[in-house]
PDB file of all heavy atoms in Angstrom:
ATOM      1  N   ALA A   1      -0.734   9.691  -9.116  1.00  0.00           N
ATOM      2  CA  ALA A   1      -0.688  10.777  -8.090  1.00  0.00           C
ATOM      3  C   ALA A   1       0.187  10.428  -6.894  1.00  0.00           C
ATOM      4  O   ALA A   1       0.427  11.261  -6.033  1.00  0.00           O
ATOM      5  CB  ALA A   1      -2.107  11.057  -7.608  1.00  0.00           C
ATOM      6  N   LEU A   2       0.702   9.211  -6.822  1.00  0.00           N
ATOM      7  CA  LEU A   2       1.448   8.798  -5.623  1.00  0.00           C
ATOM      8  C   LEU A   2       2.728   9.590  -5.414  1.00  0.00           C
ATOM      9  O   LEU A   2       3.139   9.816  -4.322  1.00  0.00           O
ATOM     10  CB  LEU A   2       1.731   7.292  -5.641  1.00  0.00           C
ATOM     11  CG  LEU A   2       0.545   6.465  -5.293  1.00  0.00           C
ATOM     12  CD1 LEU A   2       0.780   5.009  -5.684  1.00  0.00           C
ATOM     13  CD2 LEU A   2       0.176   6.579  -3.839  1.00  0.00           C
ATOM     14  N   GLU A   3       3.324   9.998  -6.484  1.00  0.00           N
ATOM     15  CA  GLU A   3       4.594  10.795  -6.367  1.00  0.00           C
ATOM     16  C   GLU A   3       4.322  12.075  -5.553  1.00  0.00           C
ATOM     17  O   GLU A   3       5.122  12.414  -4.681  1.00  0.00           O
ATOM     18  CB  GLU A   3       5.185  11.157  -7.748  1.00  0.00           C
ATOM     19  CG  GLU A   3       6.478  11.819  -7.658  1.00  0.00           C
ATOM     20  CD  GLU A   3       7.113  12.047  -9.011  1.00  0.00           C
ATOM     21  OE1 GLU A   3       6.811  11.344  -9.980  1.00  0.00           O
ATOM     22  OE2 GLU A   3       7.881  13.044  -9.151  1.00  0.00           O
ATOM     23  N   GLU A   4       3.231  12.733  -5.844  1.00  0.00           N
ATOM     24  CA  GLU A   4       2.824  13.966  -5.108  1.00  0.00           C
ATOM     25  C   GLU A   4       2.574  13.664  -3.648  1.00  0.00           C
ATOM     26  O   GLU A   4       2.714  14.579  -2.814  1.00  0.00           O
ATOM     27  CB  GLU A   4       1.570  14.568  -5.712  1.00  0.00           C
ATOM     28  CG  GLU A   4       1.713  15.092  -7.121  1.00  0.00           C
ATOM     29  CD  GLU A   4       0.363  15.544  -7.663  1.00  0.00           C
ATOM     30  OE1 GLU A   4      -0.514  15.976  -6.855  1.00  0.00           O
ATOM     31  OE2 GLU A   4       0.168  15.438  -8.878  1.00  0.00           O
ATOM     32  N   LEU A   5       2.145  12.456  -3.353  1.00  0.00           N
ATOM     33  CA  LEU A   5       1.811  12.127  -1.966  1.00  0.00           C
ATOM     34  C   LEU A   5       3.023  11.644  -1.142  1.00  0.00           C
ATOM     35  O   LEU A   5       2.850  11.301   0.033  1.00  0.00           O
ATOM     36  CB  LEU A   5       0.747  11.037  -1.985  1.00  0.00           C
ATOM     37  CG  LEU A   5      -0.590  11.402  -2.609  1.00  0.00           C
ATOM     38  CD1 LEU A   5      -1.485  10.170  -2.678  1.00  0.00           C
ATOM     39  CD2 LEU A   5      -1.243  12.537  -1.867  1.00  0.00           C
ATOM     40  N   GLY A   6       4.167  11.623  -1.731  1.00  0.00           N
ATOM     41  CA  GLY A   6       5.399  11.226  -1.024  1.00  0.00           C
ATOM     42  C   GLY A   6       5.624   9.717  -0.991  1.00  0.00           C
ATOM     43  O   GLY A   6       6.349   9.202  -0.062  1.00  0.00           O
ATOM     44  N   TRP A   7       5.088   8.983  -1.948  1.00  0.00           N
ATOM     45  CA  TRP A   7       5.206   7.538  -1.958  1.00  0.00           C
ATOM     46  C   TRP A   7       6.657   7.076  -1.924  1.00  0.00           C
ATOM     47  O   TRP A   7       7.010   6.219  -1.105  1.00  0.00           O
ATOM     48  CB  TRP A   7       4.525   6.920  -3.198  1.00  0.00           C
ATOM     49  CG  TRP A   7       4.644   5.435  -3.270  1.00  0.00           C
ATOM     50  CD1 TRP A   7       5.428   4.733  -4.137  1.00  0.00           C
ATOM     51  CD2 TRP A   7       3.945   4.481  -2.475  1.00  0.00           C
ATOM     52  NE1 TRP A   7       5.296   3.390  -3.867  1.00  0.00           N
ATOM     53  CE2 TRP A   7       4.358   3.223  -2.874  1.00  0.00           C
ATOM     54  CE3 TRP A   7       3.028   4.642  -1.457  1.00  0.00           C
ATOM     55  CZ2 TRP A   7       3.909   2.040  -2.301  1.00  0.00           C
ATOM     56  CZ3 TRP A   7       2.526   3.420  -0.866  1.00  0.00           C
ATOM     57  CH2 TRP A   7       2.976   2.171  -1.298  1.00  0.00           C
ATOM     58  N   ASP A   8       7.545   7.685  -2.711  1.00  0.00           N
ATOM     59  CA  ASP A   8       8.951   7.262  -2.714  1.00  0.00           C
ATOM     60  C   ASP A   8       9.591   7.537  -1.372  1.00  0.00           C
ATOM     61  O   ASP A   8      10.315   6.676  -0.876  1.00  0.00           O
ATOM     62  CB  ASP A   8       9.710   8.002  -3.858  1.00  0.00           C
ATOM     63  CG  ASP A   8       9.301   7.527  -5.241  1.00  0.00           C
ATOM     64  OD1 ASP A   8       8.758   6.397  -5.367  1.00  0.00           O
ATOM     65  OD2 ASP A   8       9.447   8.308  -6.198  1.00  0.00           O
ATOM     66  N   GLU A   9       9.347   8.671  -0.795  1.00  0.00           N
ATOM     67  CA  GLU A   9       9.882   9.005   0.517  1.00  0.00           C
ATOM     68  C   GLU A   9       9.414   8.061   1.595  1.00  0.00           C
ATOM     69  O   GLU A   9      10.099   7.647   2.466  1.00  0.00           O
ATOM     70  CB  GLU A   9       9.525  10.455   0.882  1.00  0.00           C
ATOM     71  CG  GLU A   9      10.061  10.924   2.251  1.00  0.00           C
ATOM     72  CD  GLU A   9       9.620  12.331   2.572  1.00  0.00           C
ATOM     73  OE1 GLU A   9       8.973  13.012   1.726  1.00  0.00           O
ATOM     74  OE2 GLU A   9       9.878  12.707   3.718  1.00  0.00           O
ATOM     75  N   ALA A  10       8.162   7.704   1.508  1.00  0.00           N
ATOM     76  CA  ALA A  10       7.500   6.815   2.499  1.00  0.00           C
ATOM     77  C   ALA A  10       8.160   5.453   2.564  1.00  0.00           C
ATOM     78  O   ALA A  10       8.192   4.849   3.619  1.00  0.00           O
ATOM     79  CB  ALA A  10       6.006   6.655   2.144  1.00  0.00           C
ATOM     80  N   GLN A  11       8.734   5.013   1.472  1.00  0.00           N
ATOM     81  CA  GLN A  11       9.343   3.659   1.442  1.00  0.00           C
ATOM     82  C   GLN A  11      10.468   3.499   2.401  1.00  0.00           C
ATOM     83  O   GLN A  11      10.864   2.335   2.754  1.00  0.00           O
ATOM     84  CB  GLN A  11       9.797   3.332   0.017  1.00  0.00           C
ATOM     85  CG  GLN A  11       8.770   3.385  -1.044  1.00  0.00           C
ATOM     86  CD  GLN A  11       7.561   2.505  -0.710  1.00  0.00           C
ATOM     87  OE1 GLN A  11       7.662   1.300  -0.570  1.00  0.00           O
ATOM     88  NE2 GLN A  11       6.383   3.114  -0.537  1.00  0.00           N
ATOM     89  N   ALA A  12      11.053   4.613   2.907  1.00  0.00           N
ATOM     90  CA  ALA A  12      12.113   4.513   3.914  1.00  0.00           C
ATOM     91  C   ALA A  12      11.550   4.264   5.309  1.00  0.00           C
ATOM     92  O   ALA A  12      12.280   3.861   6.212  1.00  0.00           O
ATOM     93  CB  ALA A  12      12.929   5.806   3.945  1.00  0.00           C
ATOM     94  N   GLY A  13      10.244   4.401   5.485  1.00  0.00           N
ATOM     95  CA  GLY A  13       9.596   4.173   6.728  1.00  0.00           C
ATOM     96  C   GLY A  13       8.722   2.905   6.737  1.00  0.00           C
ATOM     97  O   GLY A  13       9.047   1.960   5.942  1.00  0.00           O
ATOM     98  N   ILE A  14       7.717   2.894   7.502  1.00  0.00           N
ATOM     99  CA  ILE A  14       6.750   1.804   7.546  1.00  0.00           C
ATOM    100  C   ILE A  14       5.482   2.328   6.894  1.00  0.00           C
ATOM    101  O   ILE A  14       4.990   3.444   7.221  1.00  0.00           O
ATOM    102  CB  ILE A  14       6.466   1.361   8.982  1.00  0.00           C
ATOM    103  CG1 ILE A  14       7.737   0.802   9.641  1.00  0.00           C
ATOM    104  CG2 ILE A  14       5.349   0.347   9.023  1.00  0.00           C
ATOM    105  CD1 ILE A  14       7.680   0.599  11.127  1.00  0.00           C
ATOM    106  N   VAL A  15       4.939   1.614   5.954  1.00  0.00           N
ATOM    107  CA  VAL A  15       3.818   2.084   5.133  1.00  0.00           C
ATOM    108  C   VAL A  15       2.596   1.196   5.377  1.00  0.00           C
ATOM    109  O   VAL A  15       2.713  -0.018   5.205  1.00  0.00           O
ATOM    110  CB  VAL A  15       4.203   2.138   3.636  1.00  0.00           C
ATOM    111  CG1 VAL A  15       3.029   2.650   2.805  1.00  0.00           C
ATOM    112  CG2 VAL A  15       5.425   2.981   3.402  1.00  0.00           C
ATOM    113  N   LEU A  16       1.493   1.798   5.699  1.00  0.00           N
ATOM    114  CA  LEU A  16       0.186   1.151   5.738  1.00  0.00           C
ATOM    115  C   LEU A  16      -0.627   1.689   4.571  1.00  0.00           C
ATOM    116  O   LEU A  16      -0.718   2.891   4.411  1.00  0.00           O
ATOM    117  CB  LEU A  16      -0.539   1.485   7.059  1.00  0.00           C
ATOM    118  CG  LEU A  16       0.215   1.164   8.342  1.00  0.00           C
ATOM    119  CD1 LEU A  16      -0.476   1.808   9.536  1.00  0.00           C
ATOM    120  CD2 LEU A  16       0.273  -0.334   8.498  1.00  0.00           C
ATOM    121  N   VAL A  17      -1.218   0.774   3.795  1.00  0.00           N
ATOM    122  CA  VAL A  17      -1.951   1.207   2.608  1.00  0.00           C
ATOM    123  C   VAL A  17      -3.353   0.575   2.614  1.00  0.00           C
ATOM    124  O   VAL A  17      -3.509  -0.619   2.522  1.00  0.00           O
ATOM    125  CB  VAL A  17      -1.265   0.810   1.260  1.00  0.00           C
ATOM    126  CG1 VAL A  17      -2.047   1.311   0.077  1.00  0.00           C
ATOM    127  CG2 VAL A  17       0.162   1.321   1.227  1.00  0.00           C
ATOM    128  N   GLU A  18      -4.367   1.445   2.715  1.00  0.00           N
ATOM    129  CA  GLU A  18      -5.758   1.007   2.493  1.00  0.00           C
ATOM    130  C   GLU A  18      -6.086   1.168   1.022  1.00  0.00           C
ATOM    131  O   GLU A  18      -5.658   2.075   0.384  1.00  0.00           O
ATOM    132  CB  GLU A  18      -6.712   1.833   3.366  1.00  0.00           C
ATOM    133  CG  GLU A  18      -6.504   1.691   4.857  1.00  0.00           C
ATOM    134  CD  GLU A  18      -7.518   2.413   5.630  1.00  0.00           C
ATOM    135  OE1 GLU A  18      -8.732   2.323   5.360  1.00  0.00           O
ATOM    136  OE2 GLU A  18      -7.116   3.153   6.576  1.00  0.00           O
ATOM    137  N   TRP A  19      -6.720   0.145   0.449  1.00  0.00           N
ATOM    138  CA  TRP A  19      -7.080   0.116  -0.962  1.00  0.00           C
ATOM    139  C   TRP A  19      -5.812  -0.024  -1.787  1.00  0.00           C
ATOM    140  O   TRP A  19      -5.563   0.763  -2.716  1.00  0.00           O
ATOM    141  CB  TRP A  19      -7.921   1.316  -1.378  1.00  0.00           C
ATOM    142  CG  TRP A  19      -9.137   1.469  -0.542  1.00  0.00           C
ATOM    143  CD1 TRP A  19      -9.294   2.309   0.473  1.00  0.00           C
ATOM    144  CD2 TRP A  19     -10.331   0.697  -0.640  1.00  0.00           C
ATOM    145  NE1 TRP A  19     -10.575   2.117   1.054  1.00  0.00           N
ATOM    146  CE2 TRP A  19     -11.217   1.148   0.362  1.00  0.00           C
ATOM    147  CE3 TRP A  19     -10.755  -0.365  -1.464  1.00  0.00           C
ATOM    148  CZ2 TRP A  19     -12.452   0.571   0.579  1.00  0.00           C
ATOM    149  CZ3 TRP A  19     -12.028  -0.900  -1.273  1.00  0.00           C
ATOM    150  CH2 TRP A  19     -12.865  -0.383  -0.273  1.00  0.00           C
ATOM    151  N   PRO A  20      -4.961  -0.997  -1.535  1.00  0.00           N
ATOM    152  CA  PRO A  20      -3.689  -1.154  -2.267  1.00  0.00           C
ATOM    153  C   PRO A  20      -3.874  -1.530  -3.726  1.00  0.00           C
ATOM    154  O   PRO A  20      -2.875  -1.335  -4.473  1.00  0.00           O
ATOM    155  CB  PRO A  20      -3.019  -2.336  -1.483  1.00  0.00           C
ATOM    156  CG  PRO A  20      -4.090  -3.067  -0.871  1.00  0.00           C
ATOM    157  CD  PRO A  20      -5.130  -2.064  -0.486  1.00  0.00           C
ATOM    158  N   ASP A  21      -5.050  -1.938  -4.108  1.00  0.00           N
ATOM    159  CA  ASP A  21      -5.249  -2.218  -5.580  1.00  0.00           C
ATOM    160  C   ASP A  21      -5.025  -0.983  -6.378  1.00  0.00           C
ATOM    161  O   ASP A  21      -4.709  -1.062  -7.587  1.00  0.00           O
ATOM    162  CB  ASP A  21      -6.654  -2.771  -5.771  1.00  0.00           C
ATOM    163  CG  ASP A  21      -7.753  -1.855  -5.294  1.00  0.00           C
ATOM    164  OD1 ASP A  21      -7.691  -1.481  -4.116  1.00  0.00           O
ATOM    165  OD2 ASP A  21      -8.677  -1.565  -6.077  1.00  0.00           O
ATOM    166  N   ARG A  22      -5.131   0.224  -5.785  1.00  0.00           N
ATOM    167  CA  ARG A  22      -4.903   1.458  -6.510  1.00  0.00           C
ATOM    168  C   ARG A  22      -3.435   1.724  -6.802  1.00  0.00           C
ATOM    169  O   ARG A  22      -3.064   2.642  -7.535  1.00  0.00           O
ATOM    170  CB  ARG A  22      -5.456   2.659  -5.743  1.00  0.00           C
ATOM    171  CG  ARG A  22      -6.934   2.580  -5.260  1.00  0.00           C
ATOM    172  CD  ARG A  22      -7.925   2.506  -6.364  1.00  0.00           C
ATOM    173  NE  ARG A  22      -9.226   2.947  -6.020  1.00  0.00           N
ATOM    174  CZ  ARG A  22     -10.185   2.234  -5.428  1.00  0.00           C
ATOM    175  NH1 ARG A  22      -9.925   1.010  -5.026  1.00  0.00           N
ATOM    176  NH2 ARG A  22     -11.377   2.746  -5.186  1.00  0.00           N
ATOM    177  N   LEU A  23      -2.543   0.921  -6.224  1.00  0.00           N
ATOM    178  CA  LEU A  23      -1.098   1.121  -6.411  1.00  0.00           C
ATOM    179  C   LEU A  23      -0.653   0.620  -7.798  1.00  0.00           C
ATOM    180  O   LEU A  23       0.389   1.065  -8.295  1.00  0.00           O
ATOM    181  CB  LEU A  23      -0.283   0.345  -5.342  1.00  0.00           C
ATOM    182  CG  LEU A  23      -0.365   0.880  -3.942  1.00  0.00           C
ATOM    183  CD1 LEU A  23       0.307  -0.093  -2.983  1.00  0.00           C
ATOM    184  CD2 LEU A  23       0.329   2.244  -3.860  1.00  0.00           C
ATOM    185  N   GLY A  24      -1.404  -0.269  -8.416  1.00  0.00           N
ATOM    186  CA  GLY A  24      -0.986  -0.754  -9.715  1.00  0.00           C
ATOM    187  C   GLY A  24       0.418  -1.361  -9.654  1.00  0.00           C
ATOM    188  O   GLY A  24       0.709  -2.123  -8.744  1.00  0.00           O
ATOM    189  N   PRO A  25       1.280  -0.965 -10.549  1.00  0.00           N
ATOM    190  CA  PRO A  25       2.577  -1.520 -10.655  1.00  0.00           C
ATOM    191  C   PRO A  25       3.525  -1.089  -9.502  1.00  0.00           C
ATOM    192  O   PRO A  25       4.587  -1.648  -9.340  1.00  0.00           O
ATOM    193  CB  PRO A  25       3.147  -1.003 -12.008  1.00  0.00           C
ATOM    194  CG  PRO A  25       2.405   0.233 -12.257  1.00  0.00           C
ATOM    195  CD  PRO A  25       1.001  -0.015 -11.725  1.00  0.00           C
ATOM    196  N   LEU A  26       3.063  -0.149  -8.695  1.00  0.00           N
ATOM    197  CA  LEU A  26       3.879   0.280  -7.547  1.00  0.00           C
ATOM    198  C   LEU A  26       3.679  -0.611  -6.287  1.00  0.00           C
ATOM    199  O   LEU A  26       4.320  -0.421  -5.290  1.00  0.00           O
ATOM    200  CB  LEU A  26       3.548   1.725  -7.194  1.00  0.00           C
ATOM    201  CG  LEU A  26       3.901   2.772  -8.282  1.00  0.00           C
ATOM    202  CD1 LEU A  26       3.502   4.138  -7.853  1.00  0.00           C
ATOM    203  CD2 LEU A  26       5.384   2.720  -8.623  1.00  0.00           C
ATOM    204  N   LEU A  27       2.809  -1.610  -6.430  1.00  0.00           N
ATOM    205  CA  LEU A  27       2.551  -2.497  -5.305  1.00  0.00           C
ATOM    206  C   LEU A  27       3.804  -3.327  -5.047  1.00  0.00           C
ATOM    207  O   LEU A  27       4.272  -4.044  -5.893  1.00  0.00           O
ATOM    208  CB  LEU A  27       1.409  -3.454  -5.624  1.00  0.00           C
ATOM    209  CG  LEU A  27       1.027  -4.462  -4.547  1.00  0.00           C
ATOM    210  CD1 LEU A  27       0.450  -3.725  -3.317  1.00  0.00           C
ATOM    211  CD2 LEU A  27      -0.007  -5.422  -5.096  1.00  0.00           C
ATOM    212  N   PRO A  28       4.443  -3.158  -3.870  1.00  0.00           N
ATOM    213  CA  PRO A  28       5.663  -3.863  -3.576  1.00  0.00           C
ATOM    214  C   PRO A  28       5.434  -5.388  -3.405  1.00  0.00           C
ATOM    215  O   PRO A  28       4.484  -5.841  -2.759  1.00  0.00           O
ATOM    216  CB  PRO A  28       6.143  -3.299  -2.211  1.00  0.00           C
ATOM    217  CG  PRO A  28       5.380  -2.030  -2.041  1.00  0.00           C
ATOM    218  CD  PRO A  28       4.082  -2.239  -2.768  1.00  0.00           C
ATOM    219  N   ALA A  29       6.330  -6.140  -4.000  1.00  0.00           N
ATOM    220  CA  ALA A  29       6.233  -7.613  -3.941  1.00  0.00           C
ATOM    221  C   ALA A  29       6.434  -8.143  -2.549  1.00  0.00           C
ATOM    222  O   ALA A  29       5.936  -9.191  -2.186  1.00  0.00           O
ATOM    223  CB  ALA A  29       7.262  -8.243  -4.894  1.00  0.00           C
ATOM    224  N   HIS A  30       7.200  -7.380  -1.718  1.00  0.00           N
ATOM    225  CA  HIS A  30       7.491  -7.781  -0.369  1.00  0.00           C
ATOM    226  C   HIS A  30       6.441  -7.449   0.680  1.00  0.00           C
ATOM    227  O   HIS A  30       6.622  -7.675   1.857  1.00  0.00           O
ATOM    228  CB  HIS A  30       8.845  -7.239   0.063  1.00  0.00           C
ATOM    229  CG  HIS A  30       8.808  -5.788   0.291  1.00  0.00           C
ATOM    230  ND1 HIS A  30       8.918  -4.883  -0.764  1.00  0.00           N
ATOM    231  CD2 HIS A  30       8.677  -5.003   1.402  1.00  0.00           C
ATOM    232  CE1 HIS A  30       8.846  -3.635  -0.277  1.00  0.00           C
ATOM    233  NE2 HIS A  30       8.700  -3.679   1.042  1.00  0.00           N
ATOM    234  N   ALA A  31       5.331  -6.861   0.266  1.00  0.00           N
ATOM    235  CA  ALA A  31       4.297  -6.359   1.177  1.00  0.00           C
ATOM    236  C   ALA A  31       3.661  -7.477   1.979  1.00  0.00           C
ATOM    237  O   ALA A  31       3.538  -8.629   1.499  1.00  0.00           O
ATOM    238  CB  ALA A  31       3.233  -5.606   0.416  1.00  0.00           C
ATOM    239  N   LEU A  32       3.208  -7.182   3.170  1.00  0.00           N
ATOM    240  CA  LEU A  32       2.341  -8.066   3.946  1.00  0.00           C
ATOM    241  C   LEU A  32       0.960  -7.719   3.544  1.00  0.00           C
ATOM    242  O   LEU A  32       0.514  -6.578   3.674  1.00  0.00           O
ATOM    243  CB  LEU A  32       2.543  -7.824   5.456  1.00  0.00           C
ATOM    244  CG  LEU A  32       1.550  -8.566   6.362  1.00  0.00           C
ATOM    245  CD1 LEU A  32       1.805 -10.099   6.235  1.00  0.00           C
ATOM    246  CD2 LEU A  32       1.655  -8.126   7.792  1.00  0.00           C
ATOM    247  N   ASP A  33       0.226  -8.687   2.981  1.00  0.00           N
ATOM    248  CA  ASP A  33      -1.110  -8.494   2.550  1.00  0.00           C
ATOM    249  C   ASP A  33      -2.083  -8.878   3.714  1.00  0.00           C
ATOM    250  O   ASP A  33      -1.957  -9.978   4.267  1.00  0.00           O
ATOM    251  CB  ASP A  33      -1.444  -9.350   1.326  1.00  0.00           C
ATOM    252  CG  ASP A  33      -0.727  -8.878   0.111  1.00  0.00           C
ATOM    253  OD1 ASP A  33      -0.700  -7.672  -0.167  1.00  0.00           O
ATOM    254  OD2 ASP A  33      -0.061  -9.736  -0.554  1.00  0.00           O
ATOM    255  N   ILE A  34      -2.973  -7.933   4.005  1.00  0.00           N
ATOM    256  CA  ILE A  34      -3.907  -8.163   5.087  1.00  0.00           C
ATOM    257  C   ILE A  34      -5.329  -8.020   4.488  1.00  0.00           C
ATOM    258  O   ILE A  34      -5.688  -6.940   3.996  1.00  0.00           O
ATOM    259  CB  ILE A  34      -3.726  -7.131   6.234  1.00  0.00           C
ATOM    260  CG1 ILE A  34      -2.291  -7.212   6.775  1.00  0.00           C
ATOM    261  CG2 ILE A  34      -4.782  -7.348   7.325  1.00  0.00           C
ATOM    262  CD1 ILE A  34      -1.935  -6.087   7.721  1.00  0.00           C
ATOM    263  N   PHE A  35      -6.022  -9.113   4.464  1.00  0.00           N
ATOM    264  CA  PHE A  35      -7.409  -9.154   3.854  1.00  0.00           C
ATOM    265  C   PHE A  35      -8.384  -9.186   4.999  1.00  0.00           C
ATOM    266  O   PHE A  35      -8.369 -10.106   5.818  1.00  0.00           O
ATOM    267  CB  PHE A  35      -7.564 -10.342   2.979  1.00  0.00           C
ATOM    268  CG  PHE A  35      -6.517 -10.431   1.882  1.00  0.00           C
ATOM    269  CD1 PHE A  35      -5.430 -11.231   2.005  1.00  0.00           C
ATOM    270  CD2 PHE A  35      -6.668  -9.737   0.685  1.00  0.00           C
ATOM    271  CE1 PHE A  35      -4.431 -11.326   1.039  1.00  0.00           C
ATOM    272  CE2 PHE A  35      -5.754  -9.812  -0.327  1.00  0.00           C
ATOM    273  CZ  PHE A  35      -4.595 -10.623  -0.136  1.00  0.00           C
ATOM    274  N   ILE A  36      -9.291  -8.199   5.060  1.00  0.00           N
ATOM    275  CA  ILE A  36     -10.278  -8.149   6.146  1.00  0.00           C
ATOM    276  C   ILE A  36     -11.681  -8.282   5.577  1.00  0.00           C
ATOM    277  O   ILE A  36     -12.002  -7.641   4.626  1.00  0.00           O
ATOM    278  CB  ILE A  36     -10.165  -6.839   6.936  1.00  0.00           C
ATOM    279  CG1 ILE A  36      -8.747  -6.635   7.439  1.00  0.00           C
ATOM    280  CG2 ILE A  36     -11.146  -6.814   8.095  1.00  0.00           C
ATOM    281  CD1 ILE A  36      -8.456  -5.254   8.067  1.00  0.00           C
ATOM    282  N   SER A  37     -12.464  -9.170   6.133  1.00  0.00           N
ATOM    283  CA  SER A  37     -13.829  -9.303   5.727  1.00  0.00           C
ATOM    284  C   SER A  37     -14.683  -9.505   6.964  1.00  0.00           C
ATOM    285  O   SER A  37     -14.173  -9.840   8.044  1.00  0.00           O
ATOM    286  CB  SER A  37     -13.983 -10.445   4.750  1.00  0.00           C
ATOM    287  OG  SER A  37     -13.581 -11.681   5.356  1.00  0.00           O
ATOM    288  N   LEU A  38     -15.943  -9.301   6.835  1.00  0.00           N
ATOM    289  CA  LEU A  38     -16.900  -9.504   7.925  1.00  0.00           C
ATOM    290  C   LEU A  38     -17.603 -10.840   7.812  1.00  0.00           C
ATOM    291  O   LEU A  38     -17.910 -11.261   6.710  1.00  0.00           O
ATOM    292  CB  LEU A  38     -17.917  -8.348   7.919  1.00  0.00           C
ATOM    293  CG  LEU A  38     -17.336  -6.961   8.151  1.00  0.00           C
ATOM    294  CD1 LEU A  38     -18.457  -5.911   7.998  1.00  0.00           C
ATOM    295  CD2 LEU A  38     -16.734  -6.841   9.499  1.00  0.00           C
ATOM    296  N   ASN A  39     -17.761 -11.485   8.959  1.00  0.00           N
ATOM    297  CA  ASN A  39     -18.524 -12.724   8.975  1.00  0.00           C
ATOM    298  C   ASN A  39     -19.326 -12.694  10.291  1.00  0.00           C
ATOM    299  O   ASN A  39     -19.111 -11.800  11.124  1.00  0.00           O
ATOM    300  CB  ASN A  39     -17.689 -13.956   8.801  1.00  0.00           C
ATOM    301  CG  ASN A  39     -16.824 -14.308  10.003  1.00  0.00           C
ATOM    302  OD1 ASN A  39     -17.199 -14.014  11.159  1.00  0.00           O
ATOM    303  ND2 ASN A  39     -15.695 -14.978   9.818  1.00  0.00           N
ATOM    304  N   PRO A  40     -20.246 -13.611  10.475  1.00  0.00           N
ATOM    305  CA  PRO A  40     -21.092 -13.566  11.682  1.00  0.00           C
ATOM    306  C   PRO A  40     -20.360 -13.582  13.010  1.00  0.00           C
ATOM    307  O   PRO A  40     -20.781 -13.022  13.995  1.00  0.00           O
ATOM    308  CB  PRO A  40     -21.942 -14.839  11.569  1.00  0.00           C
ATOM    309  CG  PRO A  40     -22.009 -15.113  10.124  1.00  0.00           C
ATOM    310  CD  PRO A  40     -20.637 -14.693   9.600  1.00  0.00           C
TER     311      PRO A  40
END
């Protein structure tokens, strides 16, 4: 469904992706991975 959402067009800008595991093979190798978890 990413094509309908403008994924290709978005690549010309800055992209923030929540739940990037849903990207599958479209996950860019150059991405900055940000892992957030809760601790005390």
